[in-house]
All heavy atoms as atom14 arrays in JSON, in Angstrom:
{
  "sequence": "VTVVPANVHSGMPGVNFEEQRRRALDQYRTVIEAAGFDVETHVVRGTP",
  "atom14_mask": [
    [1, 1, 1, 1, 1, 1, 1, 0, 0, 0, 0, 0, 0, 0],
    [1, 1, 1, 1, 1, 1, 1, 0, 0, 0, 0, 0, 0, 0],
    [1, 1, 1, 1, 1, 1, 1, 0, 0, 0, 0, 0, 0, 0],
    [1, 1, 1, 1, 1, 1, 1, 0, 0, 0, 0, 0, 0, 0],
    [1, 1, 1, 1, 1, 1, 1, 0, 0, 0, 0, 0, 0, 0],
    [1, 1, 1, 1, 1, 0, 0, 0, 0, 0, 0, 0, 0, 0],
    [1, 1, 1, 1, 1, 1, 1, 1, 0, 0, 0, 0, 0, 0],
    [1, 1, 1, 1, 1, 1, 1, 0, 0, 0, 0, 0, 0, 0],
    [1, 1, 1, 1, 1, 1, 1, 1, 1, 1, 0, 0, 0, 0],
    [1, 1, 1, 1, 1, 1, 0, 0, 0, 0, 0, 0, 0, 0],
    [1, 1, 1, 1, 0, 0, 0, 0, 0, 0, 0, 0, 0, 0],
    [1, 1, 1, 1, 1, 1, 1, 1, 0, 0, 0, 0, 0, 0],
    [1, 1, 1, 1, 1, 1, 1, 0, 0, 0, 0, 0, 0, 0],
    [1, 1, 1, 1, 0, 0, 0, 0, 0, 0, 0, 0, 0, 0],
    [1, 1, 1, 1, 1, 1, 1, 0, 0, 0, 0, 0, 0, 0],
    [1, 1, 1, 1, 1, 1, 1, 1, 0, 0, 0, 0, 0, 0],
    [1, 1, 1, 1, 1, 1, 1, 1, 1, 1, 1, 0, 0, 0],
    [1, 1, 1, 1, 1, 1, 1, 1, 1, 0, 0, 0, 0, 0],
    [1, 1, 1, 1, 1, 1, 1, 1, 1, 0, 0, 0, 0, 0],
    [1, 1, 1, 1, 1, 1, 1, 1, 1, 0, 0, 0, 0, 0],
    [1, 1, 1, 1, 1, 1, 1, 1, 1, 1, 1, 0, 0, 0],
    [1, 1, 1, 1, 1, 1, 1, 1, 1, 1, 1, 0, 0, 0],
    [1, 1, 1, 1, 1, 1, 1, 1, 1, 1, 1, 0, 0, 0],
    [1, 1, 1, 1, 1, 0, 0, 0, 0, 0, 0, 0, 0, 0],
    [1, 1, 1, 1, 1, 1, 1, 1, 0, 0, 0, 0, 0, 0],
    [1, 1, 1, 1, 1, 1, 1, 1, 0, 0, 0, 0, 0, 0],
    [1, 1, 1, 1, 1, 1, 1, 1, 1, 0, 0, 0, 0, 0],
    [1, 1, 1, 1, 1, 1, 1, 1, 1, 1, 1, 1, 0, 0],
    [1, 1, 1, 1, 1, 1, 1, 1, 1, 1, 1, 0, 0, 0],
    [1, 1, 1, 1, 1, 1, 1, 0, 0, 0, 0, 0, 0, 0],
    [1, 1, 1, 1, 1, 1, 1, 0, 0, 0, 0, 0, 0, 0],
    [1, 1, 1, 1, 1, 1, 1, 1, 0, 0, 0, 0, 0, 0],
    [1, 1, 1, 1, 1, 1, 1, 1, 1, 0, 0, 0, 0, 0],
    [1, 1, 1, 1, 1, 0, 0, 0, 0, 0, 0, 0, 0, 0],
    [1, 1, 1, 1, 1, 0, 0, 0, 0, 0, 0, 0, 0, 0],
    [1, 1, 1, 1, 0, 0, 0, 0, 0, 0, 0, 0, 0, 0],
    [1, 1, 1, 1, 1, 1, 1, 1, 1, 1, 1, 0, 0, 0],
    [1, 1, 1, 1, 1, 1, 1, 1, 0, 0, 0, 0, 0, 0],
    [1, 1, 1, 1, 1, 1, 1, 0, 0, 0, 0, 0, 0, 0],
    [1, 1, 1, 1, 1, 1, 1, 1, 1, 0, 0, 0, 0, 0],
    [1, 1, 1, 1, 1, 1, 1, 0, 0, 0, 0, 0, 0, 0],
    [1, 1, 1, 1, 1, 1, 1, 1, 1, 1, 0, 0, 0, 0],
    [1, 1, 1, 1, 1, 1, 1, 0, 0, 0, 0, 0, 0, 0],
    [1, 1, 1, 1, 1, 1, 1, 0, 0, 0, 0, 0, 0, 0],
    [1, 1, 1, 1, 1, 1, 1, 1, 1, 1, 1, 0, 0, 0],
    [1, 1, 1, 1, 0, 0, 0, 0, 0, 0, 0, 0, 0, 0],
    [1, 1, 1, 1, 1, 1, 1, 0, 0, 0, 0, 0, 0, 0],
    [1, 1, 1, 1, 1, 1, 1, 0, 0, 0, 0, 0, 0, 0]
  ],
  "atom14_positions": [
    [[144.05, 22.3, -5.62], [144.8, 22.13, -6.81], [144.9, 20.72, -7.17], [145.24, 19.88, -6.29], [146.22, 22.77, -6.68], [147.07, 22.55, -7.99], [146.19, 24.24, -6.32], [0.0, 0.0, 0.0], [0.0, 0.0, 0.0], [0.0, 0.0, 0.0], [0.0, 0.0, 0.0], [0.0, 0.0, 0.0], [0.0, 0.0, 0.0], [0.0, 0.0, 0.0]],
    [[144.66, 20.38, -8.42], [144.88, 19.01, -8.9], [145.57, 19.16, -10.28], [145.2, 20.08, -11.02], [143.64, 18.13, -8.96], [144.04, 16.82, -9.35], [142.66, 18.7, -10.09], [0.0, 0.0, 0.0], [0.0, 0.0, 0.0], [0.0, 0.0, 0.0], [0.0, 0.0, 0.0], [0.0, 0.0, 0.0], [0.0, 0.0, 0.0], [0.0, 0.0, 0.0]],
    [[146.52, 18.29, -10.45], [147.36, 18.36, -11.68], [147.15, 17.1, -12.47], [147.34, 15.97, -12.05], [148.88, 18.55, -11.31], [149.7, 18.7, -12.63], [149.09, 19.75, -10.46], [0.0, 0.0, 0.0], [0.0, 0.0, 0.0], [0.0, 0.0, 0.0], [0.0, 0.0, 0.0], [0.0, 0.0, 0.0], [0.0, 0.0, 0.0], [0.0, 0.0, 0.0]],
    [[146.86, 17.26, -13.77], [146.78, 16.19, -14.69], [148.27, 15.99, -15.22], [148.74, 16.93, -15.86], [145.86, 16.38, -15.83], [145.79, 15.22, -16.83], [144.42, 16.66, -15.31], [0.0, 0.0, 0.0], [0.0, 0.0, 0.0], [0.0, 0.0, 0.0], [0.0, 0.0, 0.0], [0.0, 0.0, 0.0], [0.0, 0.0, 0.0], [0.0, 0.0, 0.0]],
    [[148.94, 14.95, -14.93], [150.33, 14.78, -15.4], [150.3, 14.94, -16.95], [149.46, 14.52, -17.64], [150.67, 13.37, -14.97], [149.83, 13.11, -13.82], [148.54, 13.71, -14.17], [0.0, 0.0, 0.0], [0.0, 0.0, 0.0], [0.0, 0.0, 0.0], [0.0, 0.0, 0.0], [0.0, 0.0, 0.0], [0.0, 0.0, 0.0], [0.0, 0.0, 0.0]],
    [[151.44, 15.54, -17.31], [151.59, 15.86, -18.74], [151.62, 14.61, -19.63], [151.27, 14.62, -20.8], [152.87, 16.65, -18.99], [0.0, 0.0, 0.0], [0.0, 0.0, 0.0], [0.0, 0.0, 0.0], [0.0, 0.0, 0.0], [0.0, 0.0, 0.0], [0.0, 0.0, 0.0], [0.0, 0.0, 0.0], [0.0, 0.0, 0.0], [0.0, 0.0, 0.0]],
    [[152.04, 13.46, -19.05], [152.09, 12.28, -19.83], [150.89, 11.39, -19.78], [150.78, 10.28, -20.21], [153.33, 11.42, -19.31], [153.16, 10.96, -17.89], [152.24, 11.49, -17.15], [154.07, 10.16, -17.36], [0.0, 0.0, 0.0], [0.0, 0.0, 0.0], [0.0, 0.0, 0.0], [0.0, 0.0, 0.0], [0.0, 0.0, 0.0], [0.0, 0.0, 0.0]],
    [[149.8, 11.93, -19.18], [148.54, 11.23, -19.07], [147.64, 11.68, -20.25], [147.29, 12.88, -20.4], [147.81, 11.47, -17.78], [146.39, 10.95, -17.87], [148.54, 10.85, -16.61], [0.0, 0.0, 0.0], [0.0, 0.0, 0.0], [0.0, 0.0, 0.0], [0.0, 0.0, 0.0], [0.0, 0.0, 0.0], [0.0, 0.0, 0.0], [0.0, 0.0, 0.0]],
    [[147.31, 10.72, -21.18], [146.5, 11.0, -22.31], [145.43, 9.96, -22.41], [145.58, 8.8, -22.03], [147.29, 11.01, -23.64], [148.43, 11.98, -23.66], [148.27, 13.32, -23.82], [149.75, 11.77, -23.42], [149.4, 13.94, -23.74], [150.35, 13.04, -23.51], [0.0, 0.0, 0.0], [0.0, 0.0, 0.0], [0.0, 0.0, 0.0], [0.0, 0.0, 0.0]],
    [[144.24, 10.4, -22.79], [143.1, 9.51, -22.9], [143.15, 8.71, -24.13], [143.43, 9.21, -25.15], [141.79, 10.28, -22.8], [140.7, 9.37, -23.06], [0.0, 0.0, 0.0], [0.0, 0.0, 0.0], [0.0, 0.0, 0.0], [0.0, 0.0, 0.0], [0.0, 0.0, 0.0], [0.0, 0.0, 0.0], [0.0, 0.0, 0.0], [0.0, 0.0, 0.0]],
    [[142.94, 7.42, -24.08], [142.84, 6.52, -25.23], [141.4, 6.38, -25.63], [141.11, 5.72, -26.63], [0.0, 0.0, 0.0], [0.0, 0.0, 0.0], [0.0, 0.0, 0.0], [0.0, 0.0, 0.0], [0.0, 0.0, 0.0], [0.0, 0.0, 0.0], [0.0, 0.0, 0.0], [0.0, 0.0, 0.0], [0.0, 0.0, 0.0], [0.0, 0.0, 0.0]],
    [[140.47, 7.07, -24.96], [139.05, 6.97, -25.33], [138.51, 8.3, -25.79], [138.67, 9.26, -25.1], [138.26, 6.45, -24.1], [138.71, 5.14, -23.54], [137.8, 4.74, -21.98], [136.1, 4.83, -22.63], [0.0, 0.0, 0.0], [0.0, 0.0, 0.0], [0.0, 0.0, 0.0], [0.0, 0.0, 0.0], [0.0, 0.0, 0.0], [0.0, 0.0, 0.0]],
    [[137.91, 8.33, -26.97], [137.45, 9.59, -27.51], [136.32, 10.12, -26.59], [135.59, 9.41, -25.98], [136.86, 9.15, -28.86], [137.53, 7.93, -29.23], [137.79, 7.18, -27.86], [0.0, 0.0, 0.0], [0.0, 0.0, 0.0], [0.0, 0.0, 0.0], [0.0, 0.0, 0.0], [0.0, 0.0, 0.0], [0.0, 0.0, 0.0], [0.0, 0.0, 0.0]],
    [[136.38, 11.42, -26.39], [135.39, 12.1, -25.56], [135.69, 12.11, -24.12], [134.84, 12.68, -23.3], [0.0, 0.0, 0.0], [0.0, 0.0, 0.0], [0.0, 0.0, 0.0], [0.0, 0.0, 0.0], [0.0, 0.0, 0.0], [0.0, 0.0, 0.0], [0.0, 0.0, 0.0], [0.0, 0.0, 0.0], [0.0, 0.0, 0.0], [0.0, 0.0, 0.0]],
    [[136.75, 11.51, -23.63], [137.07, 11.58, -22.19], [137.96, 12.9, -22.01], [138.94, 13.11, -22.6], [137.86, 10.37, -21.82], [138.33, 10.47, -20.34], [137.01, 9.11, -21.93], [0.0, 0.0, 0.0], [0.0, 0.0, 0.0], [0.0, 0.0, 0.0], [0.0, 0.0, 0.0], [0.0, 0.0, 0.0], [0.0, 0.0, 0.0], [0.0, 0.0, 0.0]],
    [[137.46, 13.64, -21.03], [138.16, 14.93, -20.71], [138.57, 14.89, -19.29], [137.83, 14.99, -18.32], [137.2, 16.12, -20.92], [137.81, 17.38, -20.77], [138.67, 17.61, -19.95], [137.44, 18.42, -21.61], [0.0, 0.0, 0.0], [0.0, 0.0, 0.0], [0.0, 0.0, 0.0], [0.0, 0.0, 0.0], [0.0, 0.0, 0.0], [0.0, 0.0, 0.0]],
    [[139.92, 14.65, -19.03], [140.47, 14.58, -17.7], [140.26, 15.78, -16.98], [139.94, 15.75, -15.75], [141.92, 14.14, -17.74], [142.19, 12.7, -18.07], [142.68, 12.32, -19.32], [141.87, 11.66, -17.16], [142.9, 11.03, -19.6], [142.11, 10.37, -17.41], [142.6, 9.99, -18.72], [0.0, 0.0, 0.0], [0.0, 0.0, 0.0], [0.0, 0.0, 0.0]],
    [[140.46, 16.94, -17.56], [140.35, 18.23, -16.88], [138.91, 18.4, -16.34], [138.78, 18.81, -15.2], [140.78, 19.37, -17.83], [142.32, 19.57, -17.96], [142.83, 18.6, -19.1], [142.02, 17.73, -19.57], [144.01, 18.76, -19.39], [0.0, 0.0, 0.0], [0.0, 0.0, 0.0], [0.0, 0.0, 0.0], [0.0, 0.0, 0.0], [0.0, 0.0, 0.0]],
    [[137.94, 18.07, -17.18], [136.58, 18.25, -16.78], [136.2, 17.3, -15.61], [135.46, 17.7, -14.73], [135.67, 18.12, -17.98], [134.15, 18.32, -17.67], [133.91, 19.79, -17.08], [134.6, 20.66, -17.46], [133.01, 19.83, -16.22], [0.0, 0.0, 0.0], [0.0, 0.0, 0.0], [0.0, 0.0, 0.0], [0.0, 0.0, 0.0], [0.0, 0.0, 0.0]],
    [[136.71, 16.08, -15.74], [136.38, 15.17, -14.68], [136.95, 15.61, -13.33], [136.32, 15.54, -12.29], [136.94, 13.74, -15.0], [136.28, 13.02, -16.12], [136.98, 11.68, -16.44], [138.09, 11.48, -16.16], [136.28, 10.8, -17.15], [0.0, 0.0, 0.0], [0.0, 0.0, 0.0], [0.0, 0.0, 0.0], [0.0, 0.0, 0.0], [0.0, 0.0, 0.0]],
    [[138.18, 16.11, -13.37], [138.85, 16.57, -12.13], [138.17, 17.87, -11.61], [137.96, 18.03, -10.37], [140.31, 16.84, -12.38], [141.04, 15.48, -12.67], [142.51, 15.59, -12.5], [143.18, 14.32, -12.61], [144.33, 13.97, -12.03], [144.89, 14.84, -11.28], [144.81, 12.72, -12.23], [0.0, 0.0, 0.0], [0.0, 0.0, 0.0], [0.0, 0.0, 0.0]],
    [[137.66, 18.69, -12.56], [136.99, 19.86, -12.09], [135.71, 19.56, -11.4], [135.4, 20.18, -10.3], [136.69, 20.75, -13.26], [136.25, 22.15, -12.95], [136.23, 23.06, -14.17], [137.61, 23.42, -14.56], [138.23, 22.97, -15.63], [137.54, 22.15, -16.41], [139.45, 23.32, -15.94], [0.0, 0.0, 0.0], [0.0, 0.0, 0.0], [0.0, 0.0, 0.0]],
    [[134.99, 18.54, -11.83], [133.77, 18.16, -11.18], [134.1, 17.52, -9.78], [133.37, 17.77, -8.85], [133.02, 17.04, -11.96], [132.4, 17.65, -13.27], [131.29, 16.77, -13.81], [131.84, 15.44, -14.15], [132.3, 15.19, -15.45], [132.22, 16.1, -16.35], [132.74, 13.97, -15.72], [0.0, 0.0, 0.0], [0.0, 0.0, 0.0], [0.0, 0.0, 0.0]],
    [[135.17, 16.79, -9.69], [135.52, 16.24, -8.37], [135.95, 17.31, -7.43], [135.58, 17.27, -6.25], [136.79, 15.26, -8.62], [0.0, 0.0, 0.0], [0.0, 0.0, 0.0], [0.0, 0.0, 0.0], [0.0, 0.0, 0.0], [0.0, 0.0, 0.0], [0.0, 0.0, 0.0], [0.0, 0.0, 0.0], [0.0, 0.0, 0.0], [0.0, 0.0, 0.0]],
    [[136.69, 18.31, -7.87], [137.03, 19.42, -7.0], [135.83, 20.21, -6.51], [135.76, 20.72, -5.4], [138.03, 20.37, -7.69], [139.44, 19.9, -7.92], [140.34, 21.07, -8.35], [140.01, 19.32, -6.67], [0.0, 0.0, 0.0], [0.0, 0.0, 0.0], [0.0, 0.0, 0.0], [0.0, 0.0, 0.0], [0.0, 0.0, 0.0], [0.0, 0.0, 0.0]],
    [[134.78, 20.3, -7.41], [133.55, 21.0, -6.97], [132.94, 20.24, -5.8], [132.29, 20.96, -4.94], [132.62, 21.05, -8.12], [133.06, 22.18, -9.19], [133.82, 23.0, -8.75], [132.59, 22.1, -10.32], [0.0, 0.0, 0.0], [0.0, 0.0, 0.0], [0.0, 0.0, 0.0], [0.0, 0.0, 0.0], [0.0, 0.0, 0.0], [0.0, 0.0, 0.0]],
    [[133.04, 18.94, -5.73], [132.5, 18.25, -4.57], [133.33, 18.57, -3.33], [132.63, 18.78, -2.26], [132.58, 16.68, -4.82], [131.63, 16.28, -5.99], [131.8, 14.77, -6.33], [132.6, 14.07, -5.64], [131.04, 14.26, -7.23], [0.0, 0.0, 0.0], [0.0, 0.0, 0.0], [0.0, 0.0, 0.0], [0.0, 0.0, 0.0], [0.0, 0.0, 0.0]],
    [[134.59, 18.61, -3.42], [135.42, 19.1, -2.29], [135.05, 20.53, -1.88], [134.95, 20.81, -0.7], [136.89, 19.03, -2.65], [137.48, 17.63, -2.76], [138.68, 17.47, -3.51], [136.84, 16.55, -2.36], [139.24, 16.23, -3.75], [137.41, 15.28, -2.59], [138.64, 15.09, -3.25], [139.16, 13.92, -3.4], [0.0, 0.0, 0.0], [0.0, 0.0, 0.0]],
    [[134.82, 21.33, -2.92], [134.51, 22.76, -2.57], [133.27, 22.86, -1.73], [133.22, 23.62, -0.73], [134.24, 23.52, -3.93], [133.84, 24.95, -3.69], [133.08, 25.45, -4.84], [133.96, 25.7, -6.07], [134.59, 26.75, -6.3], [134.46, 27.82, -5.55], [135.36, 26.81, -7.43], [0.0, 0.0, 0.0], [0.0, 0.0, 0.0], [0.0, 0.0, 0.0]],
    [[132.26, 22.06, -1.96], [131.04, 22.1, -1.12], [131.35, 21.88, 0.22], [130.8, 22.58, 1.19], [130.01, 21.17, -1.69], [129.71, 21.46, -3.11], [128.73, 21.2, -0.91], [0.0, 0.0, 0.0], [0.0, 0.0, 0.0], [0.0, 0.0, 0.0], [0.0, 0.0, 0.0], [0.0, 0.0, 0.0], [0.0, 0.0, 0.0], [0.0, 0.0, 0.0]],
    [[132.14, 20.82, 0.53], [132.43, 20.55, 1.95], [133.21, 21.56, 2.64], [132.97, 21.96, 3.79], [133.2, 19.1, 1.98], [133.75, 18.78, 3.44], [132.35, 18.04, 1.44], [0.0, 0.0, 0.0], [0.0, 0.0, 0.0], [0.0, 0.0, 0.0], [0.0, 0.0, 0.0], [0.0, 0.0, 0.0], [0.0, 0.0, 0.0], [0.0, 0.0, 0.0]],
    [[134.2, 22.13, 1.95], [135.13, 23.17, 2.54], [134.45, 24.44, 2.7], [134.58, 25.1, 3.7], [136.39, 23.29, 1.65], [137.15, 21.92, 1.66], [137.3, 24.38, 2.2], [138.31, 21.89, 0.71], [0.0, 0.0, 0.0], [0.0, 0.0, 0.0], [0.0, 0.0, 0.0], [0.0, 0.0, 0.0], [0.0, 0.0, 0.0], [0.0, 0.0, 0.0]],
    [[133.63, 24.81, 1.76], [132.8, 26.12, 1.89], [131.9, 25.95, 3.16], [131.71, 26.95, 3.83], [132.07, 26.42, 0.72], [132.94, 26.89, -0.45], [132.19, 27.21, -1.72], [131.11, 26.75, -1.87], [132.68, 28.03, -2.53], [0.0, 0.0, 0.0], [0.0, 0.0, 0.0], [0.0, 0.0, 0.0], [0.0, 0.0, 0.0], [0.0, 0.0, 0.0]],
    [[131.29, 24.74, 3.38], [130.41, 24.57, 4.46], [131.15, 24.74, 5.78], [130.5, 25.02, 6.83], [129.76, 23.19, 4.45], [0.0, 0.0, 0.0], [0.0, 0.0, 0.0], [0.0, 0.0, 0.0], [0.0, 0.0, 0.0], [0.0, 0.0, 0.0], [0.0, 0.0, 0.0], [0.0, 0.0, 0.0], [0.0, 0.0, 0.0], [0.0, 0.0, 0.0]],
    [[132.46, 24.54, 5.77], [133.24, 24.72, 6.94], [133.68, 26.15, 7.17], [134.36, 26.43, 8.15], [134.49, 23.79, 6.89], [0.0, 0.0, 0.0], [0.0, 0.0, 0.0], [0.0, 0.0, 0.0], [0.0, 0.0, 0.0], [0.0, 0.0, 0.0], [0.0, 0.0, 0.0], [0.0, 0.0, 0.0], [0.0, 0.0, 0.0], [0.0, 0.0, 0.0]],
    [[133.25, 27.05, 6.29], [133.51, 28.44, 6.45], [134.63, 29.08, 5.68], [134.97, 30.21, 5.95], [0.0, 0.0, 0.0], [0.0, 0.0, 0.0], [0.0, 0.0, 0.0], [0.0, 0.0, 0.0], [0.0, 0.0, 0.0], [0.0, 0.0, 0.0], [0.0, 0.0, 0.0], [0.0, 0.0, 0.0], [0.0, 0.0, 0.0], [0.0, 0.0, 0.0]],
    [[135.23, 28.35, 4.74], [136.3, 28.86, 3.93], [135.85, 29.36, 2.59], [134.94, 28.84, 2.06], [137.39, 27.78, 3.72], [138.03, 27.24, 5.06], [137.48, 26.17, 5.68], [139.14, 27.77, 5.5], [138.02, 25.65, 6.84], [139.79, 27.33, 6.68], [139.19, 26.26, 7.31], [0.0, 0.0, 0.0], [0.0, 0.0, 0.0], [0.0, 0.0, 0.0]],
    [[136.6, 30.4, 2.1], [136.52, 30.71, 0.68], [137.34, 29.7, -0.08], [138.45, 29.31, 0.32], [137.03, 32.06, 0.42], [136.19, 33.17, 1.02], [135.0, 32.97, 1.19], [136.77, 34.25, 1.44], [0.0, 0.0, 0.0], [0.0, 0.0, 0.0], [0.0, 0.0, 0.0], [0.0, 0.0, 0.0], [0.0, 0.0, 0.0], [0.0, 0.0, 0.0]],
    [[136.87, 29.22, -1.23], [137.6, 28.19, -1.99], [137.7, 28.63, -3.4], [136.83, 29.15, -4.1], [136.79, 26.86, -1.96], [137.49, 25.78, -2.72], [136.54, 26.41, -0.47], [0.0, 0.0, 0.0], [0.0, 0.0, 0.0], [0.0, 0.0, 0.0], [0.0, 0.0, 0.0], [0.0, 0.0, 0.0], [0.0, 0.0, 0.0], [0.0, 0.0, 0.0]],
    [[138.97, 28.39, -3.95], [139.19, 28.52, -5.37], [139.82, 27.22, -5.82], [140.52, 26.52, -5.11], [140.17, 29.67, -5.65], [139.61, 31.01, -5.35], [140.52, 32.19, -5.75], [141.3, 31.93, -6.71], [140.51, 33.17, -5.06], [0.0, 0.0, 0.0], [0.0, 0.0, 0.0], [0.0, 0.0, 0.0], [0.0, 0.0, 0.0], [0.0, 0.0, 0.0]],
    [[139.46, 26.75, -7.07], [139.92, 25.55, -7.62], [140.79, 25.79, -8.83], [140.65, 26.7, -9.54], [138.73, 24.61, -8.0], [137.97, 25.19, -9.04], [137.88, 24.34, -6.77], [0.0, 0.0, 0.0], [0.0, 0.0, 0.0], [0.0, 0.0, 0.0], [0.0, 0.0, 0.0], [0.0, 0.0, 0.0], [0.0, 0.0, 0.0], [0.0, 0.0, 0.0]],
    [[141.77, 24.86, -9.03], [142.72, 24.93, -10.07], [142.92, 23.54, -10.68], [143.36, 22.67, -9.96], [144.09, 25.48, -9.67], [143.98, 26.73, -8.84], [144.17, 28.02, -9.46], [143.65, 27.03, -7.51], [143.99, 28.93, -8.49], [143.71, 28.34, -7.33], [0.0, 0.0, 0.0], [0.0, 0.0, 0.0], [0.0, 0.0, 0.0], [0.0, 0.0, 0.0]],
    [[142.65, 23.34, -11.88], [142.88, 22.12, -12.56], [143.94, 22.44, -13.67], [143.59, 23.25, -14.62], [141.66, 21.47, -13.24], [142.03, 20.22, -13.95], [140.62, 21.19, -12.12], [0.0, 0.0, 0.0], [0.0, 0.0, 0.0], [0.0, 0.0, 0.0], [0.0, 0.0, 0.0], [0.0, 0.0, 0.0], [0.0, 0.0, 0.0], [0.0, 0.0, 0.0]],
    [[145.11, 21.87, -13.62], [146.22, 22.26, -14.47], [146.81, 21.08, -14.99], [146.65, 19.92, -14.47], [147.22, 23.16, -13.87], [146.62, 24.56, -13.48], [147.84, 22.54, -12.58], [0.0, 0.0, 0.0], [0.0, 0.0, 0.0], [0.0, 0.0, 0.0], [0.0, 0.0, 0.0], [0.0, 0.0, 0.0], [0.0, 0.0, 0.0], [0.0, 0.0, 0.0]],
    [[147.63, 21.13, -16.01], [148.41, 20.0, -16.56], [149.83, 20.23, -16.54], [150.35, 21.37, -16.68], [147.96, 19.77, -18.06], [148.63, 18.58, -18.72], [148.13, 18.37, -20.1], [146.76, 17.82, -20.16], [146.51, 16.52, -20.19], [147.55, 15.67, -20.12], [145.35, 16.05, -20.14], [0.0, 0.0, 0.0], [0.0, 0.0, 0.0], [0.0, 0.0, 0.0]],
    [[150.65, 19.24, -16.21], [152.07, 19.4, -16.11], [152.71, 18.41, -15.12], [152.1, 17.47, -14.75], [0.0, 0.0, 0.0], [0.0, 0.0, 0.0], [0.0, 0.0, 0.0], [0.0, 0.0, 0.0], [0.0, 0.0, 0.0], [0.0, 0.0, 0.0], [0.0, 0.0, 0.0], [0.0, 0.0, 0.0], [0.0, 0.0, 0.0], [0.0, 0.0, 0.0]],
    [[153.87, 18.76, -14.68], [154.53, 17.94, -13.58], [154.02, 18.42, -12.28], [154.05, 19.64, -11.95], [156.02, 18.24, -13.64], [156.58, 17.89, -14.94], [156.78, 17.48, -12.61], [0.0, 0.0, 0.0], [0.0, 0.0, 0.0], [0.0, 0.0, 0.0], [0.0, 0.0, 0.0], [0.0, 0.0, 0.0], [0.0, 0.0, 0.0], [0.0, 0.0, 0.0]],
    [[153.39, 17.46, -11.45], [152.58, 17.93, -10.29], [153.38, 18.9, -9.43], [152.84, 19.95, -9.03], [152.24, 16.6, -9.66], [152.06, 15.69, -10.81], [153.2, 16.04, -11.79], [0.0, 0.0, 0.0], [0.0, 0.0, 0.0], [0.0, 0.0, 0.0], [0.0, 0.0, 0.0], [0.0, 0.0, 0.0], [0.0, 0.0, 0.0], [0.0, 0.0, 0.0]]
  ]
}
């Protein structure tokens, strides 16, 4: 689980915080699945 704080907004057009974090979690997923776990990822916005 990773949370984009509700008060975090991009000042640059085209920057998608949720998508950036989703890609980062996918890198973690690869490592954890290789260790034998089932993995689900959650990228959400709000108070962490």
